[in-house]
């Protein structure tokens, strides 16, 4: 549970909801081939729980009342990587602010793989 204080009061948002919302937003962007597991914990979770891609590659941290999002993605060969990462960063920040009501400090996009 992520708790955020704003002008409406204290809002509690499920981490699973945020990861699912972020993952769906990222995968809807042009040129994104998928999300990648990051770190041993996500890798083990995905093997044991047969986890869907909704939780893969999304790391959420909180700094005061603002979120810091780290995304690990695979992109399609031949697309402009800078344009994709900028688009994802902007779109994820917008969706989280509009749909979840949380402020975003930064969205860091890491391209782990490029596929055909």
PDB file of N, CA and C in Angstrom:
ATOM      1  N   UNK A   1       0.845  -1.171   0.000  1.00  0.00           N
ATOM      2  CA  UNK A   1       0.000   0.000   0.000  1.00  0.00           C
ATOM      3  C   UNK A   1       0.891   1.234   0.000  1.00  0.00           C
ATOM      4  N   UNK A   2       0.631   2.108  -0.928  1.00  0.00           N
ATOM      5  CA  UNK A   2       1.360   3.363  -1.018  1.00  0.00           C
ATOM      6  C   UNK A   2       0.424   4.466  -0.553  1.00  0.00           C
ATOM      7  N   UNK A   3       0.868   5.224   0.443  1.00  0.00           N
ATOM      8  CA  UNK A   3       0.045   6.302   0.980  1.00  0.00           C
ATOM      9  C   UNK A   3       0.592   7.637   0.513  1.00  0.00           C
ATOM     10  N   UNK A   4      -0.304   8.451  -0.018  1.00  0.00           N
ATOM     11  CA  UNK A   4       0.064   9.756  -0.546  1.00  0.00           C
ATOM     12  C   UNK A   4      -0.844  10.801   0.081  1.00  0.00           C
ATOM     13  N   UNK A   5      -0.243  11.878   0.578  1.00  0.00           N
ATOM     14  CA  UNK A   5      -1.026  12.990   1.140  1.00  0.00           C
ATOM     15  C   UNK A   5      -1.134  14.089   0.097  1.00  0.00           C
ATOM     16  N   UNK A   6      -2.350  14.561  -0.135  1.00  0.00           N
ATOM     17  CA  UNK A   6      -2.562  15.685  -1.051  1.00  0.00           C
ATOM     18  C   UNK A   6      -3.671  16.573  -0.507  1.00  0.00           C
ATOM     19  N   UNK A   7      -4.195  17.458  -1.339  1.00  0.00           N
ATOM     20  CA  UNK A   7      -5.222  18.400  -0.892  1.00  0.00           C
ATOM     21  C   UNK A   7      -6.532  17.721  -0.481  1.00  0.00           C
ATOM     22  N   UNK A   8      -6.742  16.478  -0.892  1.00  0.00           N
ATOM     23  CA  UNK A   8      -7.953  15.745  -0.522  1.00  0.00           C
ATOM     24  C   UNK A   8      -7.802  14.985   0.796  1.00  0.00           C
ATOM     25  N   UNK A   9      -6.569  14.817   1.247  1.00  0.00           N
ATOM     26  CA  UNK A   9      -6.290  14.053   2.453  1.00  0.00           C
ATOM     27  C   UNK A   9      -5.286  12.959   2.143  1.00  0.00           C
ATOM     28  N   UNK A  10      -5.322  11.892   2.922  1.00  0.00           N
ATOM     29  CA  UNK A  10      -4.411  10.778   2.703  1.00  0.00           C
ATOM     30  C   UNK A  10      -5.091   9.722   1.837  1.00  0.00           C
ATOM     31  N   UNK A  11      -4.400   9.354   0.762  1.00  0.00           N
ATOM     32  CA  UNK A  11      -4.928   8.367  -0.169  1.00  0.00           C
ATOM     33  C   UNK A  11      -4.050   7.130  -0.105  1.00  0.00           C
ATOM     34  N   UNK A  12      -4.653   5.963   0.030  1.00  0.00           N
ATOM     35  CA  UNK A  12      -3.923   4.707  -0.004  1.00  0.00           C
ATOM     36  C   UNK A  12      -4.196   4.009  -1.325  1.00  0.00           C
ATOM     37  N   UNK A  13      -3.125   3.704  -2.052  1.00  0.00           N
ATOM     38  CA  UNK A  13      -3.263   3.058  -3.352  1.00  0.00           C
ATOM     39  C   UNK A  13      -2.478   1.753  -3.321  1.00  0.00           C
ATOM     40  N   UNK A  14      -3.100   0.688  -3.774  1.00  0.00           N
ATOM     41  CA  UNK A  14      -2.454  -0.614  -3.817  1.00  0.00           C
ATOM     42  C   UNK A  14      -1.274  -0.610  -4.784  1.00  0.00           C
ATOM     43  N   UNK A  15      -0.166  -1.199  -4.361  1.00  0.00           N
ATOM     44  CA  UNK A  15       1.006  -1.317  -5.220  1.00  0.00           C
ATOM     45  C   UNK A  15       0.722  -2.171  -6.443  1.00  0.00           C
ATOM     46  N   UNK A  16      -0.095  -3.197  -6.267  1.00  0.00           N
ATOM     47  CA  UNK A  16      -0.450  -4.078  -7.385  1.00  0.00           C
ATOM     48  C   UNK A  16      -1.243  -3.309  -8.441  1.00  0.00           C
ATOM     49  N   UNK A  17      -2.175  -2.462  -7.993  1.00  0.00           N
ATOM     50  CA  UNK A  17      -2.945  -1.640  -8.928  1.00  0.00           C
ATOM     51  C   UNK A  17      -2.029  -0.716  -9.716  1.00  0.00           C
ATOM     52  N   UNK A  18      -1.108  -0.050  -9.013  1.00  0.00           N
ATOM     53  CA  UNK A  18      -0.195   0.871  -9.692  1.00  0.00           C
ATOM     54  C   UNK A  18       0.685   0.144 -10.691  1.00  0.00           C
ATOM     55  N   UNK A  19       1.243  -1.027 -10.313  1.00  0.00           N
ATOM     56  CA  UNK A  19       2.080  -1.792 -11.240  1.00  0.00           C
ATOM     57  C   UNK A  19       1.295  -2.232 -12.462  1.00  0.00           C
ATOM     58  N   UNK A  20       0.055  -2.655 -12.268  1.00  0.00           N
ATOM     59  CA  UNK A  20      -0.787  -3.079 -13.389  1.00  0.00           C
ATOM     60  C   UNK A  20      -1.102  -1.892 -14.299  1.00  0.00           C
ATOM     61  N   UNK A  21      -1.434  -0.754 -13.724  1.00  0.00           N
ATOM     62  CA  UNK A  21      -1.731   0.457 -14.491  1.00  0.00           C
ATOM     63  C   UNK A  21      -0.505   0.908 -15.280  1.00  0.00           C
ATOM     64  N   UNK A  22       0.645   0.910 -14.631  1.00  0.00           N
ATOM     65  CA  UNK A  22       1.885   1.324 -15.293  1.00  0.00           C
ATOM     66  C   UNK A  22       2.237   0.365 -16.418  1.00  0.00           C
ATOM     67  N   UNK A  23       2.153  -0.929 -16.148  1.00  0.00           N
ATOM     68  CA  UNK A  23       2.499  -1.934 -17.157  1.00  0.00           C
ATOM     69  C   UNK A  23       1.592  -1.826 -18.380  1.00  0.00           C
ATOM     70  N   UNK A  24       0.298  -1.654 -18.164  1.00  0.00           N
ATOM     71  CA  UNK A  24      -0.639  -1.527 -19.284  1.00  0.00           C
ATOM     72  C   UNK A  24      -0.338  -0.267 -20.094  1.00  0.00           C
ATOM     73  N   UNK A  25       0.009   0.800 -19.418  1.00  0.00           N
ATOM     74  CA  UNK A  25       0.349   2.051 -20.098  1.00  0.00           C
ATOM     75  C   UNK A  25       1.601   1.880 -20.948  1.00  0.00           C
ATOM     76  N   UNK A  26       2.629   1.259 -20.384  1.00  0.00           N
ATOM     77  CA  UNK A  26       3.893   1.068 -21.108  1.00  0.00           C
ATOM     78  C   UNK A  26       3.681   0.159 -22.316  1.00  0.00           C
ATOM     79  N   UNK A  27       2.960  -0.939 -22.138  1.00  0.00           N
ATOM     80  CA  UNK A  27       2.783  -1.899 -23.230  1.00  0.00           C
ATOM     81  C   UNK A  27       1.907  -1.359 -24.346  1.00  0.00           C
ATOM     82  N   UNK A  28       1.148  -0.288 -24.076  1.00  0.00           N
ATOM     83  CA  UNK A  28       0.330   0.319 -25.132  1.00  0.00           C
ATOM     84  C   UNK A  28       1.135   1.283 -26.004  1.00  0.00           C
ATOM     85  N   UNK A  29       2.358   1.585 -25.598  1.00  0.00           N
ATOM     86  CA  UNK A  29       3.197   2.516 -26.357  1.00  0.00           C
ATOM     87  C   UNK A  29       3.808   1.825 -27.575  1.00  0.00           C
ATOM     88  N   UNK A  30       3.899   2.546 -28.679  1.00  0.00           N
ATOM     89  CA  UNK A  30       4.471   2.026 -29.917  1.00  0.00           C
ATOM     90  C   UNK A  30       5.935   1.651 -29.707  1.00  0.00           C
ATOM     91  N   UNK A  31       6.326   0.490 -30.207  1.00  0.00           N
ATOM     92  CA  UNK A  31       7.716   0.059 -30.167  1.00  0.00           C
ATOM     93  C   UNK A  31       8.102  -0.761 -28.963  1.00  0.00           C
ATOM     94  N   UNK A  32       7.225  -0.881 -27.972  1.00  0.00           N
ATOM     95  CA  UNK A  32       7.534  -1.677 -26.782  1.00  0.00           C
ATOM     96  C   UNK A  32       7.166  -3.129 -27.062  1.00  0.00           C
ATOM     97  N   UNK A  33       8.174  -4.012 -26.956  1.00  0.00           N
ATOM     98  CA  UNK A  33       7.950  -5.438 -27.206  1.00  0.00           C
ATOM     99  C   UNK A  33       7.580  -6.186 -25.937  1.00  0.00           C
ATOM    100  N   UNK A  34       7.906  -5.642 -24.777  1.00  0.00           N
ATOM    101  CA  UNK A  34       7.562  -6.306 -23.530  1.00  0.00           C
ATOM    102  C   UNK A  34       8.269  -5.691 -22.341  1.00  0.00           C
ATOM    103  N   UNK A  35       7.962  -6.255 -21.180  1.00  0.00           N
ATOM    104  CA  UNK A  35       8.565  -5.829 -19.922  1.00  0.00           C
ATOM    105  C   UNK A  35       9.535  -6.921 -19.477  1.00  0.00           C
ATOM    106  N   UNK A  36      10.609  -6.534 -18.796  1.00  0.00           N
ATOM    107  CA  UNK A  36      11.620  -7.482 -18.343  1.00  0.00           C
ATOM    108  C   UNK A  36      11.670  -7.547 -16.826  1.00  0.00           C
ATOM    109  N   UNK A  37      11.898  -8.740 -16.297  1.00  0.00           N
ATOM    110  CA  UNK A  37      12.112  -8.878 -14.859  1.00  0.00           C
ATOM    111  C   UNK A  37      13.385  -8.156 -14.489  1.00  0.00           C
ATOM    112  N   UNK A  38      13.401  -7.583 -13.305  1.00  0.00           N
ATOM    113  CA  UNK A  38      14.588  -6.893 -12.835  1.00  0.00           C
ATOM    114  C   UNK A  38      14.940  -7.412 -11.442  1.00  0.00           C
ATOM    115  N   UNK A  39      16.129  -7.893 -11.306  1.00  0.00           N
ATOM    116  CA  UNK A  39      16.612  -8.345 -10.007  1.00  0.00           C
ATOM    117  C   UNK A  39      16.168  -9.755  -9.686  1.00  0.00           C
ATOM    118  N   UNK A  40      16.807 -10.304  -8.682  1.00  0.00           N
ATOM    119  CA  UNK A  40      16.572 -11.694  -8.288  1.00  0.00           C
ATOM    120  C   UNK A  40      15.158 -11.909  -7.756  1.00  0.00           C
ATOM    121  N   UNK A  41      14.649 -10.968  -6.987  1.00  0.00           N
ATOM    122  CA  UNK A  41      13.323 -11.128  -6.391  1.00  0.00           C
ATOM    123  C   UNK A  41      12.232 -11.250  -7.450  1.00  0.00           C
ATOM    124  N   UNK A  42      12.232 -10.372  -8.449  1.00  0.00           N
ATOM    125  CA  UNK A  42      11.222 -10.456  -9.505  1.00  0.00           C
ATOM    126  C   UNK A  42      11.408 -11.724 -10.330  1.00  0.00           C
ATOM    127  N   UNK A  43      12.644 -12.127 -10.549  1.00  0.00           N
ATOM    128  CA  UNK A  43      12.910 -13.333 -11.337  1.00  0.00           C
ATOM    129  C   UNK A  43      12.377 -14.569 -10.621  1.00  0.00           C
ATOM    130  N   UNK A  44      12.636 -14.681  -9.327  1.00  0.00           N
ATOM    131  CA  UNK A  44      12.159 -15.820  -8.545  1.00  0.00           C
ATOM    132  C   UNK A  44      10.639 -15.801  -8.451  1.00  0.00           C
ATOM    133  N   UNK A  45      10.067 -14.624  -8.212  1.00  0.00           N
ATOM    134  CA  UNK A  45       8.603 -14.506  -8.159  1.00  0.00           C
ATOM    135  C   UNK A  45       7.957 -14.949  -9.460  1.00  0.00           C
ATOM    136  N   UNK A  46       8.535 -14.562 -10.583  1.00  0.00           N
ATOM    137  CA  UNK A  46       7.943 -14.916 -11.870  1.00  0.00           C
ATOM    138  C   UNK A  46       8.049 -16.425 -12.133  1.00  0.00           C
ATOM    139  N   UNK A  47       9.095 -17.067 -11.623  1.00  0.00           N
ATOM    140  CA  UNK A  47       9.224 -18.517 -11.806  1.00  0.00           C
ATOM    141  C   UNK A  47       8.284 -19.285 -10.883  1.00  0.00           C
ATOM    142  N   UNK A  48       8.182 -18.871  -9.633  1.00  0.00           N
ATOM    143  CA  UNK A  48       7.365 -19.589  -8.650  1.00  0.00           C
ATOM    144  C   UNK A  48       5.877 -19.346  -8.858  1.00  0.00           C
ATOM    145  N   UNK A  49       5.506 -18.091  -9.003  1.00  0.00           N
ATOM    146  CA  UNK A  49       4.087 -17.732  -9.076  1.00  0.00           C
ATOM    147  C   UNK A  49       3.542 -17.726 -10.492  1.00  0.00           C
ATOM    148  N   UNK A  50       4.385 -17.996 -11.479  1.00  0.00           N
ATOM    149  CA  UNK A  50       3.954 -17.911 -12.879  1.00  0.00           C
ATOM    150  C   UNK A  50       3.300 -16.558 -13.120  1.00  0.00           C
ATOM    151  N   UNK A  51       4.001 -15.553 -12.665  1.00  0.00           N
ATOM    152  CA  UNK A  51       3.528 -14.181 -12.665  1.00  0.00           C
ATOM    153  C   UNK A  51       3.307 -13.675 -14.093  1.00  0.00           C
ATOM    154  N   UNK A  52       2.240 -12.960 -14.295  1.00  0.00           N
ATOM    155  CA  UNK A  52       2.001 -12.336 -15.596  1.00  0.00           C
ATOM    156  C   UNK A  52       2.960 -11.171 -15.768  1.00  0.00           C
ATOM    157  N   UNK A  53       3.008 -10.647 -16.959  1.00  0.00           N
ATOM    158  CA  UNK A  53       3.936  -9.548 -17.236  1.00  0.00           C
ATOM    159  C   UNK A  53       3.525  -8.245 -16.554  1.00  0.00           C
ATOM    160  N   UNK A  54       2.375  -8.226 -15.892  1.00  0.00           N
ATOM    161  CA  UNK A  54       1.907  -7.000 -15.251  1.00  0.00           C
ATOM    162  C   UNK A  54       2.837  -6.530 -14.139  1.00  0.00           C
ATOM    163  N   UNK A  55       3.524  -7.438 -13.477  1.00  0.00           N
ATOM    164  CA  UNK A  55       4.392  -7.044 -12.376  1.00  0.00           C
ATOM    165  C   UNK A  55       5.861  -7.048 -12.756  1.00  0.00           C
ATOM    166  N   UNK A  56       6.168  -7.495 -13.949  1.00  0.00           N
ATOM    167  CA  UNK A  56       7.559  -7.572 -14.365  1.00  0.00           C
ATOM    168  C   UNK A  56       8.070  -6.207 -14.794  1.00  0.00           C
ATOM    169  N   UNK A  57       9.274  -5.881 -14.343  1.00  0.00           N
ATOM    170  CA  UNK A  57       9.940  -4.687 -14.822  1.00  0.00           C
ATOM    171  C   UNK A  57       9.460  -3.370 -14.276  1.00  0.00           C
ATOM    172  N   UNK A  58       8.591  -3.371 -13.272  1.00  0.00           N
ATOM    173  CA  UNK A  58       8.084  -2.128 -12.689  1.00  0.00           C
ATOM    174  C   UNK A  58       8.540  -2.058 -11.233  1.00  0.00           C
ATOM    175  N   UNK A  59       9.343  -1.064 -10.921  1.00  0.00           N
ATOM    176  CA  UNK A  59       9.797  -0.845  -9.555  1.00  0.00           C
ATOM    177  C   UNK A  59       9.267   0.515  -9.119  1.00  0.00           C
ATOM    178  N   UNK A  60       8.578   0.538  -7.983  1.00  0.00           N
ATOM    179  CA  UNK A  60       7.978   1.771  -7.479  1.00  0.00           C
ATOM    180  C   UNK A  60       8.639   2.126  -6.151  1.00  0.00           C
ATOM    181  N   UNK A  61       9.168   3.330  -6.070  1.00  0.00           N
ATOM    182  CA  UNK A  61       9.728   3.843  -4.824  1.00  0.00           C
ATOM    183  C   UNK A  61       9.015   5.140  -4.489  1.00  0.00           C
ATOM    184  N   UNK A  62       9.070   5.514  -3.214  1.00  0.00           N
ATOM    185  CA  UNK A  62       8.384   6.725  -2.796  1.00  0.00           C
ATOM    186  C   UNK A  62       9.368   7.664  -2.117  1.00  0.00           C
ATOM    187  N   UNK A  63       9.333   8.931  -2.514  1.00  0.00           N
ATOM    188  CA  UNK A  63      10.151   9.974  -1.914  1.00  0.00           C
ATOM    189  C   UNK A  63       9.193  11.057  -1.437  1.00  0.00           C
ATOM    190  N   UNK A  64       9.006  11.144  -0.136  1.00  0.00           N
ATOM    191  CA  UNK A  64       7.994  12.018   0.462  1.00  0.00           C
ATOM    192  C   UNK A  64       6.629  11.612  -0.087  1.00  0.00           C
ATOM    193  N   UNK A  65       5.930  12.485  -0.767  1.00  0.00           N
ATOM    194  CA  UNK A  65       4.612  12.134  -1.321  1.00  0.00           C
ATOM    195  C   UNK A  65       4.645  11.959  -2.822  1.00  0.00           C
ATOM    196  N   UNK A  66       5.832  11.747  -3.380  1.00  0.00           N
ATOM    197  CA  UNK A  66       5.975  11.603  -4.829  1.00  0.00           C
ATOM    198  C   UNK A  66       6.584  10.247  -5.148  1.00  0.00           C
ATOM    199  N   UNK A  67       6.185   9.689  -6.286  1.00  0.00           N
ATOM    200  CA  UNK A  67       6.671   8.370  -6.690  1.00  0.00           C
ATOM    201  C   UNK A  67       7.844   8.476  -7.659  1.00  0.00           C
ATOM    202  N   UNK A  68       8.743   7.525  -7.534  1.00  0.00           N
ATOM    203  CA  UNK A  68       9.834   7.355  -8.484  1.00  0.00           C
ATOM    204  C   UNK A  68       9.616   5.983  -9.114  1.00  0.00           C
ATOM    205  N   UNK A  69       9.457   5.956 -10.426  1.00  0.00           N
ATOM    206  CA  UNK A  69       9.143   4.725 -11.150  1.00  0.00           C
ATOM    207  C   UNK A  69      10.352   4.318 -11.989  1.00  0.00           C
ATOM    208  N   UNK A  70      10.769   3.061 -11.860  1.00  0.00           N
ATOM    209  CA  UNK A  70      11.806   2.483 -12.709  1.00  0.00           C
ATOM    210  C   UNK A  70      11.159   1.418 -13.574  1.00  0.00           C
ATOM    211  N   UNK A  71      11.404   1.483 -14.886  1.00  0.00           N
ATOM    212  CA  UNK A  71      10.816   0.553 -15.836  1.00  0.00           C
ATOM    213  C   UNK A  71      11.917  -0.140 -16.631  1.00  0.00           C
ATOM    214  N   UNK A  72      11.808  -1.448 -16.769  1.00  0.00           N
ATOM    215  CA  UNK A  72      12.757  -2.230 -17.563  1.00  0.00           C
ATOM    216  C   UNK A  72      11.990  -2.838 -18.732  1.00  0.00           C
ATOM    217  N   UNK A  73      12.371  -2.434 -19.955  1.00  0.00           N
ATOM    218  CA  UNK A  73      11.591  -2.820 -21.128  1.00  0.00           C
ATOM    219  C   UNK A  73      12.455  -3.437 -22.218  1.00  0.00           C
ATOM    220  N   UNK A  74      11.769  -4.077 -23.155  1.00  0.00           N
ATOM    221  CA  UNK A  74      12.355  -4.557 -24.401  1.00  0.00           C
ATOM    222  C   UNK A  74      11.692  -3.768 -25.518  1.00  0.00           C
ATOM    223  N   UNK A  75      12.507  -3.262 -26.460  1.00  0.00           N
ATOM    224  CA  UNK A  75      11.961  -2.495 -27.576  1.00  0.00           C
ATOM    225  C   UNK A  75      12.177  -3.249 -28.885  1.00  0.00           C
ATOM    226  N   UNK A  76      11.418  -2.856 -29.882  1.00  0.00           N
ATOM    227  CA  UNK A  76      11.504  -3.442 -31.209  1.00  0.00           C
ATOM    228  C   UNK A  76      12.643  -2.792 -31.982  1.00  0.00           C
ATOM    229  N   UNK A  77      13.399  -3.604 -32.697  1.00  0.00           N
ATOM    230  CA  UNK A  77      14.518  -3.120 -33.495  1.00  0.00           C
ATOM    231  C   UNK A  77      14.025  -2.139 -34.564  1.00  0.00           C
ATOM    232  N   UNK A  78      14.759  -1.058 -34.753  1.00  0.00           N
ATOM    233  CA  UNK A  78      14.454  -0.114 -35.812  1.00  0.00           C
ATOM    234  C   UNK A  78      13.676   1.105 -35.382  1.00  0.00           C
ATOM    235  N   UNK A  79      13.263   1.162 -34.138  1.00  0.00           N
ATOM    236  CA  UNK A  79      12.525   2.331 -33.674  1.00  0.00           C
ATOM    237  C   UNK A  79      13.472   3.271 -32.935  1.00  0.00           C
ATOM    238  N   UNK A  80      13.100   4.504 -32.839  1.00  0.00           N
ATOM    239  CA  UNK A  80      13.905   5.512 -32.159  1.00  0.00           C
ATOM    240  C   UNK A  80      13.767   5.322 -30.649  1.00  0.00           C
ATOM    241  N   UNK A  81      14.838   4.838 -30.024  1.00  0.00           N
ATOM    242  CA  UNK A  81      14.796   4.500 -28.596  1.00  0.00           C
ATOM    243  C   UNK A  81      14.565   5.747 -27.745  1.00  0.00           C
ATOM    244  N   UNK A  82      15.189   6.846 -28.084  1.00  0.00           N
ATOM    245  CA  UNK A  82      15.008   8.084 -27.315  1.00  0.00           C
ATOM    246  C   UNK A  82      13.557   8.552 -27.363  1.00  0.00           C
ATOM    247  N   UNK A  83      12.943   8.464 -28.531  1.00  0.00           N
ATOM    248  CA  UNK A  83      11.539   8.871 -28.663  1.00  0.00           C
ATOM    249  C   UNK A  83      10.631   7.961 -27.834  1.00  0.00           C
ATOM    250  N   UNK A  84      10.917   6.664 -27.848  1.00  0.00           N
ATOM    251  CA  UNK A  84      10.105   5.719 -27.075  1.00  0.00           C
ATOM    252  C   UNK A  84      10.219   5.991 -25.581  1.00  0.00           C
ATOM    253  N   UNK A  85      11.446   6.161 -25.092  1.00  0.00           N
ATOM    254  CA  UNK A  85      11.632   6.377 -23.653  1.00  0.00           C
ATOM    255  C   UNK A  85      11.014   7.698 -23.202  1.00  0.00           C
ATOM    256  N   UNK A  86      11.142   8.730 -24.017  1.00  0.00           N
ATOM    257  CA  UNK A  86      10.505  10.017 -23.679  1.00  0.00           C
ATOM    258  C   UNK A  86       8.985   9.894 -23.653  1.00  0.00           C
ATOM    259  N   UNK A  87       8.435   9.186 -24.628  1.00  0.00           N
ATOM    260  CA  UNK A  87       6.995   8.985 -24.701  1.00  0.00           C
ATOM    261  C   UNK A  87       6.478   8.204 -23.492  1.00  0.00           C
ATOM    262  N   UNK A  88       7.181   7.142 -23.144  1.00  0.00           N
ATOM    263  CA  UNK A  88       6.782   6.321 -21.989  1.00  0.00           C
ATOM    264  C   UNK A  88       6.835   7.139 -20.712  1.00  0.00           C
ATOM    265  N   UNK A  89       7.908   7.869 -20.520  1.00  0.00           N
ATOM    266  CA  UNK A  89       8.077   8.680 -19.316  1.00  0.00           C
ATOM    267  C   UNK A  89       6.933   9.686 -19.169  1.00  0.00           C
ATOM    268  N   UNK A  90       6.617  10.373 -20.245  1.00  0.00           N
ATOM    269  CA  UNK A  90       5.542  11.365 -20.208  1.00  0.00           C
ATOM    270  C   UNK A  90       4.183  10.706 -19.978  1.00  0.00           C
ATOM    271  N   UNK A  91       3.907   9.627 -20.706  1.00  0.00           N
ATOM    272  CA  UNK A  91       2.595   8.977 -20.628  1.00  0.00           C
ATOM    273  C   UNK A  91       2.349   8.352 -19.256  1.00  0.00           C
ATOM    274  N   UNK A  92       3.357   7.701 -18.681  1.00  0.00           N
ATOM    275  CA  UNK A  92       3.197   7.081 -17.359  1.00  0.00           C
ATOM    276  C   UNK A  92       2.954   8.159 -16.303  1.00  0.00           C
ATOM    277  N   UNK A  93       3.707   9.240 -16.356  1.00  0.00           N
ATOM    278  CA  UNK A  93       3.490  10.335 -15.410  1.00  0.00           C
ATOM    279  C   UNK A  93       2.086  10.909 -15.507  1.00  0.00           C
ATOM    280  N   UNK A  94       1.614  11.103 -16.733  1.00  0.00           N
ATOM    281  CA  UNK A  94       0.274  11.651 -16.953  1.00  0.00           C
ATOM    282  C   UNK A  94      -0.812  10.700 -16.440  1.00  0.00           C
ATOM    283  N   UNK A  95      -0.700   9.424 -16.783  1.00  0.00           N
ATOM    284  CA  UNK A  95      -1.720   8.444 -16.381  1.00  0.00           C
ATOM    285  C   UNK A  95      -1.778   8.301 -14.859  1.00  0.00           C
ATOM    286  N   UNK A  96      -0.633   8.252 -14.202  1.00  0.00           N
ATOM    287  CA  UNK A  96      -0.636   8.130 -12.742  1.00  0.00           C
ATOM    288  C   UNK A  96      -1.240   9.357 -12.074  1.00  0.00           C
ATOM    289  N   UNK A  97      -0.966  10.520 -12.608  1.00  0.00           N
ATOM    290  CA  UNK A  97      -1.523  11.741 -12.034  1.00  0.00           C
ATOM    291  C   UNK A  97      -3.033  11.810 -12.256  1.00  0.00           C
ATOM    292  N   UNK A  98      -3.470  11.488 -13.476  1.00  0.00           N
ATOM    293  CA  UNK A  98      -4.889  11.611 -13.807  1.00  0.00           C
ATOM    294  C   UNK A  98      -5.745  10.470 -13.243  1.00  0.00           C
ATOM    295  N   UNK A  99      -5.282   9.230 -13.329  1.00  0.00           N
ATOM    296  CA  UNK A  99      -6.127   8.098 -12.947  1.00  0.00           C
ATOM    297  C   UNK A  99      -5.951   7.658 -11.506  1.00  0.00           C
ATOM    298  N   UNK A 100      -4.740   7.800 -10.955  1.00  0.00           N
ATOM    299  CA  UNK A 100      -4.518   7.346  -9.585  1.00  0.00           C
ATOM    300  C   UNK A 100      -4.426   8.504  -8.595  1.00  0.00           C
ATOM    301  N   UNK A 101      -4.268   9.722  -9.091  1.00  0.00           N
ATOM    302  CA  UNK A 101      -4.219  10.880  -8.217  1.00  0.00           C
ATOM    303  C   UNK A 101      -2.929  11.006  -7.424  1.00  0.00           C
ATOM    304  N   UNK A 102      -1.837  10.454  -7.931  1.00  0.00           N
ATOM    305  CA  UNK A 102      -0.555  10.539  -7.234  1.00  0.00           C
ATOM    306  C   UNK A 102       0.421  11.391  -8.042  1.00  0.00           C
ATOM    307  N   UNK A 103       1.319  12.054  -7.345  1.00  0.00           N
ATOM    308  CA  UNK A 103       2.338  12.866  -7.999  1.00  0.00           C
ATOM    309  C   UNK A 103       3.542  11.994  -8.325  1.00  0.00           C
ATOM    310  N   UNK A 104       4.141  12.246  -9.467  1.00  0.00           N
ATOM    311  CA  UNK A 104       5.294  11.472  -9.916  1.00  0.00           C
ATOM    312  C   UNK A 104       6.510  12.385  -9.946  1.00  0.00           C
ATOM    313  N   UNK A 105       7.558  11.960  -9.251  1.00  0.00           N
ATOM    314  CA  UNK A 105       8.808  12.728  -9.253  1.00  0.00           C
ATOM    315  C   UNK A 105       9.593  12.450 -10.521  1.00  0.00           C
ATOM    316  N   UNK A 106       9.744  11.165 -10.862  1.00  0.00           N
ATOM    317  CA  UNK A 106      10.471  10.820 -12.079  1.00  0.00           C
ATOM    318  C   UNK A 106      10.069   9.430 -12.557  1.00  0.00           C
ATOM    319  N   UNK A 107      10.211   9.233 -13.866  1.00  0.00           N
ATOM    320  CA  UNK A 107      10.009   7.924 -14.489  1.00  0.00           C
ATOM    321  C   UNK A 107      11.302   7.602 -15.221  1.00  0.00           C
ATOM    322  N   UNK A 108      11.997   6.577 -14.755  1.00  0.00           N
ATOM    323  CA  UNK A 108      13.262   6.154 -15.345  1.00  0.00           C
ATOM    324  C   UNK A 108      13.010   4.926 -16.200  1.00  0.00           C
ATOM    325  N   UNK A 109      13.339   5.004 -17.490  1.00  0.00           N
ATOM    326  CA  UNK A 109      13.093   3.909 -18.417  1.00  0.00           C
ATOM    327  C   UNK A 109      14.440   3.311 -18.818  1.00  0.00           C
ATOM    328  N   UNK A 110      14.597   2.007 -18.567  1.00  0.00           N
ATOM    329  CA  UNK A 110      15.814   1.272 -18.917  1.00  0.00           C
ATOM    330  C   UNK A 110      15.495   0.289 -20.038  1.00  0.00           C
ATOM    331  N   UNK A 111      16.194   0.416 -21.144  1.00  0.00           N
ATOM    332  CA  UNK A 111      16.018  -0.512 -22.266  1.00  0.00           C
ATOM    333  C   UNK A 111      17.013  -1.642 -22.065  1.00  0.00           C
ATOM    334  N   UNK A 112      16.518  -2.819 -21.716  1.00  0.00           N
ATOM    335  CA  UNK A 112      17.357  -3.974 -21.429  1.00  0.00           C
ATOM    336  C   UNK A 112      17.648  -4.808 -22.656  1.00  0.00           C
ATOM    337  N   UNK A 113      16.765  -4.717 -23.661  1.00  0.00           N
ATOM    338  CA  UNK A 113      16.885  -5.616 -24.798  1.00  0.00           C
ATOM    339  C   UNK A 113      16.231  -4.993 -26.022  1.00  0.00           C
ATOM    340  N   UNK A 114      16.775  -5.336 -27.192  1.00  0.00           N
ATOM    341  CA  UNK A 114      16.182  -4.940 -28.463  1.00  0.00           C
ATOM    342  C   UNK A 114      15.947  -6.208 -29.266  1.00  0.00           C
ATOM    343  N   UNK A 115      14.733  -6.407 -29.742  1.00  0.00           N
ATOM    344  CA  UNK A 115      14.393  -7.628 -30.480  1.00  0.00           C
ATOM    345  C   UNK A 115      13.861  -7.288 -31.878  1.00  0.00           C
ATOM    346  N   UNK A 116      13.938  -8.253 -32.769  1.00  0.00           N
ATOM    347  CA  UNK A 116      13.384  -8.093 -34.128  1.00  0.00           C
ATOM    348  C   UNK A 116      11.906  -8.275 -34.128  1.00  0.00           C
TER     349      UNK A 116
END
